Amino acid sequence: MHAVVLLACLVPALSNAAAIPALYEGMNLSSQLLDLVKTKYFFFKSSVDRLQMGIENLRNAPINEADIASLEPQILRLSERVRDIKSSVLL
């Protein structure tokens, strides 16, 4: 459940995220974690589907590197937290 709450916070943060490679890495990690959450907690399916749709919309949006570069440290920290949560969900 904590994973879903973190992702609800992470998706909006990702839209303003760091450098473009870090942004896409964060989106990939988030998508993987959402897949795990949906598999483990089927009752979150509709919420997870909406979050995944938001991630997909962000992937398809034009993003200017200069607009998001100043937020690189934040997105890297968030990506690390998602990695940690993903590891704990796999246990």
PDB file of N, CA and C in Angstrom:
ATOM      1  N   MET A   1       0.822  -1.187   0.000  1.00  0.00           N
ATOM      2  CA  MET A   1       0.000   0.000   0.000  1.00  0.00           C
ATOM      3  C   MET A   1       0.867   1.252   0.000  1.00  0.00           C
ATOM      4  N   HIS A   2       1.996   1.186   0.726  1.00  0.00           N
ATOM      5  CA  HIS A   2       2.895   2.334   0.739  1.00  0.00           C
ATOM      6  C   HIS A   2       3.429   2.628  -0.658  1.00  0.00           C
ATOM      7  N   ALA A   3       3.587   1.579  -1.460  1.00  0.00           N
ATOM      8  CA  ALA A   3       4.078   1.766  -2.819  1.00  0.00           C
ATOM      9  C   ALA A   3       3.104   2.598  -3.636  1.00  0.00           C
ATOM     10  N   VAL A   4       1.821   2.343  -3.475  1.00  0.00           N
ATOM     11  CA  VAL A   4       0.814   3.092  -4.232  1.00  0.00           C
ATOM     12  C   VAL A   4       0.812   4.551  -3.806  1.00  0.00           C
ATOM     13  N   VAL A   5       0.937   4.788  -2.497  1.00  0.00           N
ATOM     14  CA  VAL A   5       0.963   6.165  -1.993  1.00  0.00           C
ATOM     15  C   VAL A   5       2.185   6.896  -2.529  1.00  0.00           C
ATOM     16  N   LEU A   6       3.347   6.237  -2.499  1.00  0.00           N
ATOM     17  CA  LEU A   6       4.561   6.867  -3.014  1.00  0.00           C
ATOM     18  C   LEU A   6       4.422   7.160  -4.498  1.00  0.00           C
ATOM     19  N   LEU A   7       3.864   6.233  -5.243  1.00  0.00           N
ATOM     20  CA  LEU A   7       3.708   6.449  -6.676  1.00  0.00           C
ATOM     21  C   LEU A   7       2.739   7.571  -6.981  1.00  0.00           C
ATOM     22  N   ALA A   8       1.718   7.708  -6.156  1.00  0.00           N
ATOM     23  CA  ALA A   8       0.787   8.819  -6.344  1.00  0.00           C
ATOM     24  C   ALA A   8       1.517  10.145  -6.193  1.00  0.00           C
ATOM     25  N   CYS A   9       2.539  10.169  -5.340  1.00  0.00           N
ATOM     26  CA  CYS A   9       3.354  11.376  -5.166  1.00  0.00           C
ATOM     27  C   CYS A   9       4.425  11.471  -6.239  1.00  0.00           C
ATOM     28  N   LEU A  10       4.913  10.322  -6.694  1.00  0.00           N
ATOM     29  CA  LEU A  10       6.025  10.299  -7.633  1.00  0.00           C
ATOM     30  C   LEU A  10       5.625  10.733  -9.031  1.00  0.00           C
ATOM     31  N   VAL A  11       4.476  10.328  -9.500  1.00  0.00           N
ATOM     32  CA  VAL A  11       4.077  10.646 -10.873  1.00  0.00           C
ATOM     33  C   VAL A  11       4.027  12.151 -11.108  1.00  0.00           C
ATOM     34  N   PRO A  12       3.392  12.955 -10.224  1.00  0.00           N
ATOM     35  CA  PRO A  12       3.446  14.397 -10.452  1.00  0.00           C
ATOM     36  C   PRO A  12       4.869  14.940 -10.368  1.00  0.00           C
ATOM     37  N   ALA A  13       5.686  14.391  -9.469  1.00  0.00           N
ATOM     38  CA  ALA A  13       7.067  14.853  -9.352  1.00  0.00           C
ATOM     39  C   ALA A  13       7.848  14.519 -10.611  1.00  0.00           C
ATOM     40  N   LEU A  14       7.564  13.371 -11.204  1.00  0.00           N
ATOM     41  CA  LEU A  14       8.260  12.982 -12.418  1.00  0.00           C
ATOM     42  C   LEU A  14       7.966  13.934 -13.568  1.00  0.00           C
ATOM     43  N   SER A  15       6.800  14.533 -13.565  1.00  0.00           N
ATOM     44  CA  SER A  15       6.460  15.430 -14.658  1.00  0.00           C
ATOM     45  C   SER A  15       7.330  16.680 -14.646  1.00  0.00           C
ATOM     46  N   ASN A  16       7.938  16.999 -13.516  1.00  0.00           N
ATOM     47  CA  ASN A  16       8.850  18.134 -13.414  1.00  0.00           C
ATOM     48  C   ASN A  16      10.272  17.660 -13.173  1.00  0.00           C
ATOM     49  N   ALA A  17      10.539  16.432 -13.462  1.00  0.00           N
ATOM     50  CA  ALA A  17      11.759  15.770 -13.011  1.00  0.00           C
ATOM     51  C   ALA A  17      13.019  16.301 -13.650  1.00  0.00           C
ATOM     52  N   ALA A  18      14.066  15.598 -13.327  1.00  0.00           N
ATOM     53  CA  ALA A  18      15.428  15.974 -13.646  1.00  0.00           C
ATOM     54  C   ALA A  18      15.738  15.880 -15.122  1.00  0.00           C
ATOM     55  N   ALA A  19      16.995  15.582 -15.356  1.00  0.00           N
ATOM     56  CA  ALA A  19      17.437  15.401 -16.731  1.00  0.00           C
ATOM     57  C   ALA A  19      16.619  14.290 -17.376  1.00  0.00           C
ATOM     58  N   ILE A  20      16.470  14.375 -18.660  1.00  0.00           N
ATOM     59  CA  ILE A  20      15.589  13.464 -19.383  1.00  0.00           C
ATOM     60  C   ILE A  20      15.924  11.985 -19.154  1.00  0.00           C
ATOM     61  N   PRO A  21      17.185  11.564 -19.171  1.00  0.00           N
ATOM     62  CA  PRO A  21      17.450  10.140 -18.893  1.00  0.00           C
ATOM     63  C   PRO A  21      16.980   9.709 -17.501  1.00  0.00           C
ATOM     64  N   ALA A  22      17.179  10.549 -16.507  1.00  0.00           N
ATOM     65  CA  ALA A  22      16.721  10.222 -15.149  1.00  0.00           C
ATOM     66  C   ALA A  22      15.201  10.175 -15.098  1.00  0.00           C
ATOM     67  N   LEU A  23      14.557  11.046 -15.830  1.00  0.00           N
ATOM     68  CA  LEU A  23      13.098  11.054 -15.891  1.00  0.00           C
ATOM     69  C   LEU A  23      12.578   9.733 -16.446  1.00  0.00           C
ATOM     70  N   TYR A  24      13.140   9.298 -17.565  1.00  0.00           N
ATOM     71  CA  TYR A  24      12.682   8.056 -18.172  1.00  0.00           C
ATOM     72  C   TYR A  24      13.027   6.848 -17.313  1.00  0.00           C
ATOM     73  N   GLU A  25      14.160   6.881 -16.639  1.00  0.00           N
ATOM     74  CA  GLU A  25      14.502   5.794 -15.716  1.00  0.00           C
ATOM     75  C   GLU A  25      13.466   5.726 -14.590  1.00  0.00           C
ATOM     76  N   GLY A  26      13.102   6.880 -14.058  1.00  0.00           N
ATOM     77  CA  GLY A  26      12.089   6.924 -13.006  1.00  0.00           C
ATOM     78  C   GLY A  26      10.740   6.416 -13.485  1.00  0.00           C
ATOM     79  N   MET A  27      10.373   6.765 -14.707  1.00  0.00           N
ATOM     80  CA  MET A  27       9.104   6.281 -15.252  1.00  0.00           C
ATOM     81  C   MET A  27       9.136   4.769 -15.443  1.00  0.00           C
ATOM     82  N   ASN A  28      10.267   4.244 -15.917  1.00  0.00           N
ATOM     83  CA  ASN A  28      10.385   2.797 -16.099  1.00  0.00           C
ATOM     84  C   ASN A  28      10.287   2.065 -14.767  1.00  0.00           C
ATOM     85  N   LEU A  29      11.005   2.564 -13.762  1.00  0.00           N
ATOM     86  CA  LEU A  29      10.939   1.959 -12.432  1.00  0.00           C
ATOM     87  C   LEU A  29       9.516   2.013 -11.882  1.00  0.00           C
ATOM     88  N   SER A  30       8.870   3.156 -12.055  1.00  0.00           N
ATOM     89  CA  SER A  30       7.498   3.312 -11.564  1.00  0.00           C
ATOM     90  C   SER A  30       6.554   2.335 -12.251  1.00  0.00           C
ATOM     91  N   SER A  31       6.710   2.172 -13.541  1.00  0.00           N
ATOM     92  CA  SER A  31       5.857   1.231 -14.279  1.00  0.00           C
ATOM     93  C   SER A  31       6.075  -0.200 -13.801  1.00  0.00           C
ATOM     94  N   GLN A  32       7.337  -0.556 -13.575  1.00  0.00           N
ATOM     95  CA  GLN A  32       7.636  -1.900 -13.080  1.00  0.00           C
ATOM     96  C   GLN A  32       7.029  -2.118 -11.699  1.00  0.00           C
ATOM     97  N   LEU A  33       7.161  -1.120 -10.839  1.00  0.00           N
ATOM     98  CA  LEU A  33       6.606  -1.230  -9.495  1.00  0.00           C
ATOM     99  C   LEU A  33       5.083  -1.318  -9.544  1.00  0.00           C
ATOM    100  N   LEU A  34       4.474  -0.529 -10.396  1.00  0.00           N
ATOM    101  CA  LEU A  34       3.016  -0.591 -10.533  1.00  0.00           C
ATOM    102  C   LEU A  34       2.557  -1.965 -11.013  1.00  0.00           C
ATOM    103  N   ASP A  35       3.311  -2.564 -11.926  1.00  0.00           N
ATOM    104  CA  ASP A  35       2.970  -3.915 -12.377  1.00  0.00           C
ATOM    105  C   ASP A  35       3.028  -4.904 -11.214  1.00  0.00           C
ATOM    106  N   LEU A  36       4.057  -4.767 -10.376  1.00  0.00           N
ATOM    107  CA  LEU A  36       4.173  -5.644  -9.206  1.00  0.00           C
ATOM    108  C   LEU A  36       3.024  -5.429  -8.229  1.00  0.00           C
ATOM    109  N   VAL A  37       2.685  -4.171  -7.998  1.00  0.00           N
ATOM    110  CA  VAL A  37       1.588  -3.856  -7.078  1.00  0.00           C
ATOM    111  C   VAL A  37       0.281  -4.436  -7.608  1.00  0.00           C
ATOM    112  N   LYS A  38       0.048  -4.271  -8.901  1.00  0.00           N
ATOM    113  CA  LYS A  38      -1.198  -4.774  -9.496  1.00  0.00           C
ATOM    114  C   LYS A  38      -1.262  -6.300  -9.401  1.00  0.00           C
ATOM    115  N   THR A  39      -0.131  -6.965  -9.555  1.00  0.00           N
ATOM    116  CA  THR A  39      -0.092  -8.420  -9.452  1.00  0.00           C
ATOM    117  C   THR A  39      -0.345  -8.883  -8.021  1.00  0.00           C
ATOM    118  N   LYS A  40       0.266  -8.178  -7.078  1.00  0.00           N
ATOM    119  CA  LYS A  40       0.185  -8.596  -5.677  1.00  0.00           C
ATOM    120  C   LYS A  40      -1.112  -8.149  -5.001  1.00  0.00           C
ATOM    121  N   TYR A  41      -1.607  -6.981  -5.381  1.00  0.00           N
ATOM    122  CA  TYR A  41      -2.802  -6.405  -4.757  1.00  0.00           C
ATOM    123  C   TYR A  41      -3.824  -6.086  -5.844  1.00  0.00           C
ATOM    124  N   PHE A  42      -4.541  -7.100  -6.290  1.00  0.00           N
ATOM    125  CA  PHE A  42      -5.454  -6.956  -7.426  1.00  0.00           C
ATOM    126  C   PHE A  42      -6.513  -5.879  -7.206  1.00  0.00           C
ATOM    127  N   PHE A  43      -6.849  -5.587  -5.944  1.00  0.00           N
ATOM    128  CA  PHE A  43      -7.892  -4.600  -5.665  1.00  0.00           C
ATOM    129  C   PHE A  43      -7.438  -3.169  -5.950  1.00  0.00           C
ATOM    130  N   PHE A  44      -6.146  -2.961  -6.234  1.00  0.00           N
ATOM    131  CA  PHE A  44      -5.643  -1.640  -6.623  1.00  0.00           C
ATOM    132  C   PHE A  44      -5.628  -1.459  -8.137  1.00  0.00           C
ATOM    133  N   LYS A  45      -6.163  -2.423  -8.873  1.00  0.00           N
ATOM    134  CA  LYS A  45      -6.055  -2.422 -10.331  1.00  0.00           C
ATOM    135  C   LYS A  45      -6.496  -1.118 -10.974  1.00  0.00           C
ATOM    136  N   SER A  46      -7.651  -0.589 -10.617  1.00  0.00           N
ATOM    137  CA  SER A  46      -8.129   0.626 -11.290  1.00  0.00           C
ATOM    138  C   SER A  46      -7.245   1.825 -10.960  1.00  0.00           C
ATOM    139  N   SER A  47      -6.777   1.934  -9.726  1.00  0.00           N
ATOM    140  CA  SER A  47      -5.876   3.037  -9.363  1.00  0.00           C
ATOM    141  C   SER A  47      -4.544   2.906 -10.088  1.00  0.00           C
ATOM    142  N   VAL A  48      -4.022   1.691 -10.132  1.00  0.00           N
ATOM    143  CA  VAL A  48      -2.749   1.446 -10.809  1.00  0.00           C
ATOM    144  C   VAL A  48      -2.886   1.732 -12.297  1.00  0.00           C
ATOM    145  N   ASP A  49      -3.991   1.317 -12.891  1.00  0.00           N
ATOM    146  CA  ASP A  49      -4.200   1.580 -14.320  1.00  0.00           C
ATOM    147  C   ASP A  49      -4.194   3.080 -14.614  1.00  0.00           C
ATOM    148  N   ARG A  50      -4.813   3.864 -13.739  1.00  0.00           N
ATOM    149  CA  ARG A  50      -4.824   5.324 -13.939  1.00  0.00           C
ATOM    150  C   ARG A  50      -3.418   5.907 -13.807  1.00  0.00           C
ATOM    151  N   LEU A  51      -2.655   5.433 -12.827  1.00  0.00           N
ATOM    152  CA  LEU A  51      -1.279   5.914 -12.677  1.00  0.00           C
ATOM    153  C   LEU A  51      -0.438   5.534 -13.890  1.00  0.00           C
ATOM    154  N   GLN A  52      -0.618   4.313 -14.380  1.00  0.00           N
ATOM    155  CA  GLN A  52       0.132   3.890 -15.564  1.00  0.00           C
ATOM    156  C   GLN A  52      -0.260   4.706 -16.792  1.00  0.00           C
ATOM    157  N   MET A  53      -1.519   5.079 -16.893  1.00  0.00           N
ATOM    158  CA  MET A  53      -1.954   5.932 -17.996  1.00  0.00           C
ATOM    159  C   MET A  53      -1.277   7.303 -17.898  1.00  0.00           C
ATOM    160  N   GLY A  54      -1.157   7.827 -16.684  1.00  0.00           N
ATOM    161  CA  GLY A  54      -0.466   9.099 -16.489  1.00  0.00           C
ATOM    162  C   GLY A  54       0.996   9.021 -16.875  1.00  0.00           C
ATOM    163  N   ILE A  55       1.648   7.924 -16.518  1.00  0.00           N
ATOM    164  CA  ILE A  55       3.051   7.729 -16.893  1.00  0.00           C
ATOM    165  C   ILE A  55       3.175   7.660 -18.410  1.00  0.00           C
ATOM    166  N   GLU A  56       2.278   6.945 -19.046  1.00  0.00           N
ATOM    167  CA  GLU A  56       2.318   6.825 -20.506  1.00  0.00           C
ATOM    168  C   GLU A  56       2.085   8.180 -21.177  1.00  0.00           C
ATOM    169  N   ASN A  57       1.164   8.975 -20.647  1.00  0.00           N
ATOM    170  CA  ASN A  57       0.935  10.317 -21.190  1.00  0.00           C
ATOM    171  C   ASN A  57       2.183  11.179 -21.044  1.00  0.00           C
ATOM    172  N   LEU A  58       2.854  11.066 -19.908  1.00  0.00           N
ATOM    173  CA  LEU A  58       4.088  11.821 -19.693  1.00  0.00           C
ATOM    174  C   LEU A  58       5.169  11.378 -20.669  1.00  0.00           C
ATOM    175  N   ARG A  59       5.271  10.076 -20.901  1.00  0.00           N
ATOM    176  CA  ARG A  59       6.252   9.556 -21.862  1.00  0.00           C
ATOM    177  C   ARG A  59       6.041  10.159 -23.256  1.00  0.00           C
ATOM    178  N   ASN A  60       4.791  10.378 -23.605  1.00  0.00           N
ATOM    179  CA  ASN A  60       4.462  10.882 -24.940  1.00  0.00           C
ATOM    180  C   ASN A  60       4.481  12.407 -25.043  1.00  0.00           C
ATOM    181  N   ALA A  61       4.668  13.087 -23.932  1.00  0.00           N
ATOM    182  CA  ALA A  61       4.668  14.558 -23.930  1.00  0.00           C
ATOM    183  C   ALA A  61       6.051  15.089 -24.315  1.00  0.00           C
ATOM    184  N   PRO A  62       6.087  16.213 -25.035  1.00  0.00           N
ATOM    185  CA  PRO A  62       7.387  16.826 -25.336  1.00  0.00           C
ATOM    186  C   PRO A  62       7.975  17.430 -24.058  1.00  0.00           C
ATOM    187  N   ILE A  63       9.239  17.131 -23.791  1.00  0.00           N
ATOM    188  CA  ILE A  63       9.897  17.606 -22.573  1.00  0.00           C
ATOM    189  C   ILE A  63      11.180  18.319 -22.970  1.00  0.00           C
ATOM    190  N   ASN A  64      11.344  19.525 -22.451  1.00  0.00           N
ATOM    191  CA  ASN A  64      12.535  20.320 -22.714  1.00  0.00           C
ATOM    192  C   ASN A  64      13.536  20.089 -21.582  1.00  0.00           C
ATOM    193  N   GLU A  65      14.716  19.635 -21.926  1.00  0.00           N
ATOM    194  CA  GLU A  65      15.771  19.352 -20.938  1.00  0.00           C
ATOM    195  C   GLU A  65      16.042  20.546 -20.035  1.00  0.00           C
ATOM    196  N   ALA A  66      16.089  21.731 -20.606  1.00  0.00           N
ATOM    197  CA  ALA A  66      16.395  22.934 -19.819  1.00  0.00           C
ATOM    198  C   ALA A  66      15.330  23.208 -18.759  1.00  0.00           C
ATOM    199  N   ASP A  67      14.097  22.857 -19.049  1.00  0.00           N
ATOM    200  CA  ASP A  67      13.012  23.101 -18.096  1.00  0.00           C
ATOM    201  C   ASP A  67      13.067  22.183 -16.884  1.00  0.00           C
ATOM    202  N   ILE A  68      13.674  21.019 -17.028  1.00  0.00           N
ATOM    203  CA  ILE A  68      13.658  20.050 -15.932  1.00  0.00           C
ATOM    204  C   ILE A  68      15.024  19.800 -15.305  1.00  0.00           C
ATOM    205  N   ALA A  69      16.072  20.359 -15.863  1.00  0.00           N
ATOM    206  CA  ALA A  69      17.434  20.068 -15.399  1.00  0.00           C
ATOM    207  C   ALA A  69      17.665  20.419 -13.934  1.00  0.00           C
ATOM    208  N   SER A  70      17.066  21.475 -13.440  1.00  0.00           N
ATOM    209  CA  SER A  70      17.318  21.897 -12.058  1.00  0.00           C
ATOM    210  C   SER A  70      16.748  20.923 -11.030  1.00  0.00           C
ATOM    211  N   LEU A  71      15.875  20.043 -11.448  1.00  0.00           N
ATOM    212  CA  LEU A  71      15.250  19.096 -10.524  1.00  0.00           C
ATOM    213  C   LEU A  71      15.912  17.720 -10.521  1.00  0.00           C
ATOM    214  N   GLU A  72      17.060  17.613 -11.167  1.00  0.00           N
ATOM    215  CA  GLU A  72      17.733  16.315 -11.262  1.00  0.00           C
ATOM    216  C   GLU A  72      17.986  15.658  -9.907  1.00  0.00           C
ATOM    217  N   PRO A  73      18.485  16.364  -8.893  1.00  0.00           N
ATOM    218  CA  PRO A  73      18.713  15.698  -7.598  1.00  0.00           C
ATOM    219  C   PRO A  73      17.435  15.096  -7.002  1.00  0.00           C
ATOM    220  N   GLN A  74      16.330  15.789  -7.154  1.00  0.00           N
ATOM    221  CA  GLN A  74      15.067  15.282  -6.603  1.00  0.00           C
ATOM    222  C   GLN A  74      14.616  14.007  -7.304  1.00  0.00           C
ATOM    223  N   ILE A  75      14.705  13.979  -8.617  1.00  0.00           N
ATOM    224  CA  ILE A  75      14.246  12.797  -9.338  1.00  0.00           C
ATOM    225  C   ILE A  75      15.158  11.614  -9.062  1.00  0.00           C
ATOM    226  N   LEU A  76      16.430  11.860  -8.890  1.00  0.00           N
ATOM    227  CA  LEU A  76      17.341  10.764  -8.573  1.00  0.00           C
ATOM    228  C   LEU A  76      17.037  10.178  -7.195  1.00  0.00           C
ATOM    229  N   ARG A  77      16.720  11.038  -6.226  1.00  0.00           N
ATOM    230  CA  ARG A  77      16.335  10.548  -4.889  1.00  0.00           C
ATOM    231  C   ARG A  77      15.032   9.758  -4.962  1.00  0.00           C
ATOM    232  N   LEU A  78      14.070  10.269  -5.703  1.00  0.00           N
ATOM    233  CA  LEU A  78      12.796   9.560  -5.848  1.00  0.00           C
ATOM    234  C   LEU A  78      12.983   8.209  -6.540  1.00  0.00           C
ATOM    235  N   SER A  79      13.835   8.175  -7.545  1.00  0.00           N
ATOM    236  CA  SER A  79      14.095   6.910  -8.241  1.00  0.00           C
ATOM    237  C   SER A  79      14.714   5.895  -7.290  1.00  0.00           C
ATOM    238  N   GLU A  80      15.610   6.356  -6.436  1.00  0.00           N
ATOM    239  CA  GLU A  80      16.232   5.460  -5.456  1.00  0.00           C
ATOM    240  C   GLU A  80      15.182   4.913  -4.483  1.00  0.00           C
ATOM    241  N   ARG A  81      14.268   5.760  -4.055  1.00  0.00           N
ATOM    242  CA  ARG A  81      13.193   5.302  -3.156  1.00  0.00           C
ATOM    243  C   ARG A  81      12.300   4.278  -3.849  1.00  0.00           C
ATOM    244  N   VAL A  82      12.000   4.507  -5.114  1.00  0.00           N
ATOM    245  CA  VAL A  82      11.173   3.549  -5.859  1.00  0.00           C
ATOM    246  C   VAL A  82      11.909   2.220  -5.987  1.00  0.00           C
ATOM    247  N   ARG A  83      13.230   2.262  -6.241  1.00  0.00           N
ATOM    248  CA  ARG A  83      14.029   1.039  -6.313  1.00  0.00           C
ATOM    249  C   ARG A  83      13.947   0.255  -4.999  1.00  0.00           C
ATOM    250  N   ASP A  84      14.074   0.978  -3.880  1.00  0.00           N
ATOM    251  CA  ASP A  84      14.004   0.333  -2.562  1.00  0.00           C
ATOM    252  C   ASP A  84      12.637  -0.305  -2.330  1.00  0.00           C
ATOM    253  N   ILE A  85      11.588   0.406  -2.678  1.00  0.00           N
ATOM    254  CA  ILE A  85      10.234  -0.130  -2.497  1.00  0.00           C
ATOM    255  C   ILE A  85      10.020  -1.331  -3.402  1.00  0.00           C
ATOM    256  N   LYS A  86      10.507  -1.238  -4.626  1.00  0.00           N
ATOM    257  CA  LYS A  86      10.365  -2.359  -5.559  1.00  0.00           C
ATOM    258  C   LYS A  86      11.050  -3.597  -4.988  1.00  0.00           C
ATOM    259  N   SER A  87      12.219  -3.424  -4.398  1.00  0.00           N
ATOM    260  CA  SER A  87      12.933  -4.548  -3.788  1.00  0.00           C
ATOM    261  C   SER A  87      12.131  -5.155  -2.644  1.00  0.00           C
ATOM    262  N   SER A  88      11.518  -4.307  -1.831  1.00  0.00           N
ATOM    263  CA  SER A  88      10.751  -4.827  -0.694  1.00  0.00           C
ATOM    264  C   SER A  88       9.460  -5.504  -1.145  1.00  0.00           C
ATOM    265  N   VAL A  89       8.874  -5.054  -2.244  1.00  0.00           N
ATOM    266  CA  VAL A  89       7.655  -5.682  -2.760  1.00  0.00           C
ATOM    267  C   VAL A  89       7.975  -7.070  -3.305  1.00  0.00           C
ATOM    268  N   LEU A  90       9.163  -7.231  -3.853  1.00  0.00           N
ATOM    269  CA  LEU A  90       9.555  -8.524  -4.411  1.00  0.00           C
ATOM    270  C   LEU A  90       9.787  -9.577  -3.337  1.00  0.00           C
ATOM    271  N   LEU A  91      10.007  -9.138  -2.095  1.00  0.00           N
ATOM    272  CA  LEU A  91      10.277 -10.106  -1.014  1.00  0.00           C
ATOM    273  C   LEU A  91       9.082 -10.887  -0.624  1.00  0.00           C
TER     274      LEU A  91
END
